[in-house]
């Protein structure tokens, strides 16, 4: 190392290393841009005005427990209207043992939202629901 040191820095024929104190620091200049949300400039036309988004609401949130959004509400309403009884065998069950089912199969509707209305829903026990689903699938296969 002694042969490359010249008293101030390390020097080689092709390169010269400089100490950090030999550099002058550059001044940091931050760039600014136009932010329409914080700008205090008056908007002249209505079409240029910023439209704020609607407030967050828990009403339309999907919990993830139901197959389709809003289905759990219909199930609770059916339990209140008809009680915890199966529509087919008329036995009384615990509410967790009953399943919500479409009276008219969902595949027969042009608009699936019409099939999900309260008038087309019924509560069935697990055994009756399996039997009805099996017959519904047979009918739908014949139709196709």
C-alpha atoms as a PDB file:
ATOM      1  CA  UNK A   1       0.000   0.000   0.000  1.00  0.00           C
ATOM      2  CA  UNK A   2       2.915   2.329   0.690  1.00  0.00           C
ATOM      3  CA  UNK A   3       3.935   2.445  -2.948  1.00  0.00           C
ATOM      4  CA  UNK A   4       0.466   3.709  -4.007  1.00  0.00           C
ATOM      5  CA  UNK A   5       0.035   6.323  -1.223  1.00  0.00           C
ATOM      6  CA  UNK A   6       1.273   9.795  -2.127  1.00  0.00           C
ATOM      7  CA  UNK A   7       0.536  11.546   1.159  1.00  0.00           C
ATOM      8  CA  UNK A   8      -3.066  12.574   0.510  1.00  0.00           C
ATOM      9  CA  UNK A   9      -4.738   9.679  -1.285  1.00  0.00           C
ATOM     10  CA  UNK A  10      -4.184   6.326  -2.916  1.00  0.00           C
ATOM     11  CA  UNK A  11      -3.142   6.711  -6.543  1.00  0.00           C
ATOM     12  CA  UNK A  12      -2.736   4.246  -9.386  1.00  0.00           C
ATOM     13  CA  UNK A  13      -1.692   5.191 -12.904  1.00  0.00           C
ATOM     14  CA  UNK A  14      -5.224   4.812 -14.316  1.00  0.00           C
ATOM     15  CA  UNK A  15      -7.342   5.711 -11.260  1.00  0.00           C
ATOM     16  CA  UNK A  16      -7.247   8.150  -8.406  1.00  0.00           C
ATOM     17  CA  UNK A  17      -9.342   7.560  -5.280  1.00  0.00           C
ATOM     18  CA  UNK A  18     -10.773  10.670  -3.658  1.00  0.00           C
ATOM     19  CA  UNK A  19     -11.788  11.046  -0.017  1.00  0.00           C
ATOM     20  CA  UNK A  20     -15.437  11.894   0.760  1.00  0.00           C
ATOM     21  CA  UNK A  21     -14.413  15.287   2.107  1.00  0.00           C
ATOM     22  CA  UNK A  22     -13.259  16.188  -1.391  1.00  0.00           C
ATOM     23  CA  UNK A  23     -16.844  16.269  -2.684  1.00  0.00           C
ATOM     24  CA  UNK A  24     -19.126  19.255  -2.319  1.00  0.00           C
ATOM     25  CA  UNK A  25     -22.632  18.231  -1.222  1.00  0.00           C
ATOM     26  CA  UNK A  26     -25.474  19.026  -3.623  1.00  0.00           C
ATOM     27  CA  UNK A  27     -28.505  20.818  -2.319  1.00  0.00           C
ATOM     28  CA  UNK A  28     -31.718  18.704  -2.304  1.00  0.00           C
ATOM     29  CA  UNK A  29     -34.512  20.264  -4.314  1.00  0.00           C
ATOM     30  CA  UNK A  30     -37.904  18.589  -3.930  1.00  0.00           C
ATOM     31  CA  UNK A  31     -40.168  18.615  -6.962  1.00  0.00           C
ATOM     32  CA  UNK A  32     -43.759  19.680  -6.383  1.00  0.00           C
ATOM     33  CA  UNK A  33     -46.803  18.643  -8.362  1.00  0.00           C
ATOM     34  CA  UNK A  34     -50.419  19.695  -8.525  1.00  0.00           C
ATOM     35  CA  UNK A  35     -52.674  17.808  -6.109  1.00  0.00           C
ATOM     36  CA  UNK A  36     -56.362  18.522  -6.840  1.00  0.00           C
ATOM     37  CA  UNK A  37     -57.449  17.433  -3.343  1.00  0.00           C
ATOM     38  CA  UNK A  38     -55.285  19.927  -1.493  1.00  0.00           C
ATOM     39  CA  UNK A  39     -55.296  22.762  -4.043  1.00  0.00           C
ATOM     40  CA  UNK A  40     -57.017  25.944  -2.947  1.00  0.00           C
ATOM     41  CA  UNK A  41     -57.656  27.073  -6.484  1.00  0.00           C
ATOM     42  CA  UNK A  42     -61.291  27.843  -7.400  1.00  0.00           C
ATOM     43  CA  UNK A  43     -62.866  25.528  -9.953  1.00  0.00           C
ATOM     44  CA  UNK A  44     -64.648  27.482 -12.650  1.00  0.00           C
ATOM     45  CA  UNK A  45     -66.787  24.781 -14.231  1.00  0.00           C
ATOM     46  CA  UNK A  46     -68.937  22.086 -12.650  1.00  0.00           C
ATOM     47  CA  UNK A  47     -67.453  19.346 -14.844  1.00  0.00           C
ATOM     48  CA  UNK A  48     -63.944  20.120 -13.490  1.00  0.00           C
ATOM     49  CA  UNK A  49     -65.127  19.807  -9.885  1.00  0.00           C
ATOM     50  CA  UNK A  50     -63.856  16.747  -8.019  1.00  0.00           C
ATOM     51  CA  UNK A  51     -66.523  14.257  -7.063  1.00  0.00           C
ATOM     52  CA  UNK A  52     -65.975  12.684  -3.676  1.00  0.00           C
ATOM     53  CA  UNK A  53     -66.571   8.991  -3.185  1.00  0.00           C
ATOM     54  CA  UNK A  54     -69.477   7.770  -1.095  1.00  0.00           C
ATOM     55  CA  UNK A  55     -68.908   6.957   2.552  1.00  0.00           C
ATOM     56  CA  UNK A  56     -68.121   3.386   3.553  1.00  0.00           C
ATOM     57  CA  UNK A  57     -71.117   1.375   4.721  1.00  0.00           C
ATOM     58  CA  UNK A  58     -71.320  -2.009   6.425  1.00  0.00           C
ATOM     59  CA  UNK A  59     -74.771  -2.637   4.886  1.00  0.00           C
ATOM     60  CA  UNK A  60     -73.496  -4.007   1.579  1.00  0.00           C
ATOM     61  CA  UNK A  61     -70.445  -5.827   2.893  1.00  0.00           C
ATOM     62  CA  UNK A  62     -70.173  -9.550   2.153  1.00  0.00           C
ATOM     63  CA  UNK A  63     -69.302 -11.523   5.278  1.00  0.00           C
ATOM     64  CA  UNK A  64     -68.163 -14.588   3.356  1.00  0.00           C
ATOM     65  CA  UNK A  65     -70.424 -17.120   5.101  1.00  0.00           C
ATOM     66  CA  UNK A  66     -73.052 -17.187   2.364  1.00  0.00           C
ATOM     67  CA  UNK A  67     -72.802 -18.245  -1.278  1.00  0.00           C
ATOM     68  CA  UNK A  68     -74.273 -14.995  -2.578  1.00  0.00           C
ATOM     69  CA  UNK A  69     -74.221 -11.556  -0.931  1.00  0.00           C
ATOM     70  CA  UNK A  70     -77.332 -10.920   1.181  1.00  0.00           C
ATOM     71  CA  UNK A  71     -78.358 -14.576   1.424  1.00  0.00           C
ATOM     72  CA  UNK A  72     -77.899 -14.782   5.208  1.00  0.00           C
ATOM     73  CA  UNK A  73     -80.491 -12.020   5.674  1.00  0.00           C
ATOM     74  CA  UNK A  74     -83.074 -14.017   3.700  1.00  0.00           C
ATOM     75  CA  UNK A  75     -82.372 -17.112   5.789  1.00  0.00           C
ATOM     76  CA  UNK A  76     -82.938 -15.199   9.006  1.00  0.00           C
ATOM     77  CA  UNK A  77     -86.193 -13.770   7.642  1.00  0.00           C
ATOM     78  CA  UNK A  78     -87.403 -17.237   6.644  1.00  0.00           C
ATOM     79  CA  UNK A  79     -86.649 -18.502  10.152  1.00  0.00           C
ATOM     80  CA  UNK A  80     -88.658 -15.644  11.651  1.00  0.00           C
ATOM     81  CA  UNK A  81     -91.604 -16.125   9.259  1.00  0.00           C
ATOM     82  CA  UNK A  82     -91.918 -19.920   9.247  1.00  0.00           C
ATOM     83  CA  UNK A  83     -90.074 -20.948  12.378  1.00  0.00           C
ATOM     84  CA  UNK A  84     -87.444 -23.720  12.482  1.00  0.00           C
ATOM     85  CA  UNK A  85     -89.567 -26.293  10.597  1.00  0.00           C
ATOM     86  CA  UNK A  86     -88.799 -28.124   7.370  1.00  0.00           C
ATOM     87  CA  UNK A  87     -91.238 -27.193   4.583  1.00  0.00           C
ATOM     88  CA  UNK A  88     -91.296 -30.732   3.202  1.00  0.00           C
ATOM     89  CA  UNK A  89     -91.426 -33.130   6.175  1.00  0.00           C
ATOM     90  CA  UNK A  90     -92.826 -30.538   8.650  1.00  0.00           C
ATOM     91  CA  UNK A  91     -90.458 -31.647  11.459  1.00  0.00           C
ATOM     92  CA  UNK A  92     -88.982 -29.096  13.849  1.00  0.00           C
ATOM     93  CA  UNK A  93     -85.182 -28.750  13.846  1.00  0.00           C
ATOM     94  CA  UNK A  94     -82.493 -26.557  15.357  1.00  0.00           C
ATOM     95  CA  UNK A  95     -82.011 -23.469  13.112  1.00  0.00           C
ATOM     96  CA  UNK A  96     -78.450 -24.544  12.234  1.00  0.00           C
ATOM     97  CA  UNK A  97     -79.775 -27.850  10.800  1.00  0.00           C
ATOM     98  CA  UNK A  98     -82.043 -26.141   8.255  1.00  0.00           C
ATOM     99  CA  UNK A  99     -80.839 -25.118   4.806  1.00  0.00           C
ATOM    100  CA  UNK A 100     -82.264 -22.486   2.501  1.00  0.00           C
ATOM    101  CA  UNK A 101     -83.468 -23.809  -0.861  1.00  0.00           C
ATOM    102  CA  UNK A 102     -85.066 -22.398  -4.024  1.00  0.00           C
ATOM    103  CA  UNK A 103     -88.647 -23.561  -4.578  1.00  0.00           C
ATOM    104  CA  UNK A 104     -88.266 -23.164  -8.360  1.00  0.00           C
ATOM    105  CA  UNK A 105     -84.790 -24.130  -9.526  1.00  0.00           C
ATOM    106  CA  UNK A 106     -82.440 -21.221 -10.135  1.00  0.00           C
ATOM    107  CA  UNK A 107     -81.573 -22.512 -13.628  1.00  0.00           C
ATOM    108  CA  UNK A 108     -85.151 -21.992 -14.857  1.00  0.00           C
ATOM    109  CA  UNK A 109     -85.005 -18.215 -14.350  1.00  0.00           C
ATOM    110  CA  UNK A 110     -83.798 -15.834 -17.047  1.00  0.00           C
ATOM    111  CA  UNK A 111     -82.624 -13.362 -14.410  1.00  0.00           C
ATOM    112  CA  UNK A 112     -80.902 -15.093 -11.447  1.00  0.00           C
ATOM    113  CA  UNK A 113     -81.842 -12.191  -9.148  1.00  0.00           C
ATOM    114  CA  UNK A 114     -85.510 -13.147  -9.521  1.00  0.00           C
ATOM    115  CA  UNK A 115     -84.695 -16.635  -8.235  1.00  0.00           C
ATOM    116  CA  UNK A 116     -83.112 -15.196  -5.080  1.00  0.00           C
ATOM    117  CA  UNK A 117     -86.233 -13.349  -3.928  1.00  0.00           C
ATOM    118  CA  UNK A 118     -87.870 -14.267  -0.614  1.00  0.00           C
ATOM    119  CA  UNK A 119     -90.990 -15.673  -2.314  1.00  0.00           C
ATOM    120  CA  UNK A 120     -88.877 -18.342  -4.032  1.00  0.00           C
ATOM    121  CA  UNK A 121     -87.071 -19.491  -0.878  1.00  0.00           C
ATOM    122  CA  UNK A 122     -87.886 -22.248   1.599  1.00  0.00           C
ATOM    123  CA  UNK A 123     -86.212 -23.942   4.558  1.00  0.00           C
ATOM    124  CA  UNK A 124     -85.486 -27.666   4.301  1.00  0.00           C
ATOM    125  CA  UNK A 125     -83.735 -30.115   6.582  1.00  0.00           C
ATOM    126  CA  UNK A 126     -80.521 -31.676   5.293  1.00  0.00           C
ATOM    127  CA  UNK A 127     -82.193 -34.948   4.266  1.00  0.00           C
ATOM    128  CA  UNK A 128     -85.038 -33.268   2.331  1.00  0.00           C
ATOM    129  CA  UNK A 129     -82.662 -30.758   0.758  1.00  0.00           C
ATOM    130  CA  UNK A 130     -80.432 -33.527  -0.615  1.00  0.00           C
ATOM    131  CA  UNK A 131     -83.427 -35.386  -2.043  1.00  0.00           C
ATOM    132  CA  UNK A 132     -84.870 -32.245  -3.674  1.00  0.00           C
ATOM    133  CA  UNK A 133     -81.494 -31.263  -5.136  1.00  0.00           C
ATOM    134  CA  UNK A 134     -81.072 -34.755  -6.596  1.00  0.00           C
ATOM    135  CA  UNK A 135     -84.483 -34.626  -8.335  1.00  0.00           C
ATOM    136  CA  UNK A 136     -83.917 -31.033  -9.507  1.00  0.00           C
ATOM    137  CA  UNK A 137     -80.626 -32.015 -11.131  1.00  0.00           C
ATOM    138  CA  UNK A 138     -82.301 -34.910 -12.939  1.00  0.00           C
ATOM    139  CA  UNK A 139     -84.980 -32.569 -14.310  1.00  0.00           C
ATOM    140  CA  UNK A 140     -82.409 -30.009 -15.430  1.00  0.00           C
ATOM    141  CA  UNK A 141     -80.371 -32.712 -17.219  1.00  0.00           C
ATOM    142  CA  UNK A 142     -83.444 -33.789 -19.155  1.00  0.00           C
ATOM    143  CA  UNK A 143     -84.135 -30.174 -20.180  1.00  0.00           C
ATOM    144  CA  UNK A 144     -80.662 -29.705 -21.668  1.00  0.00           C
END
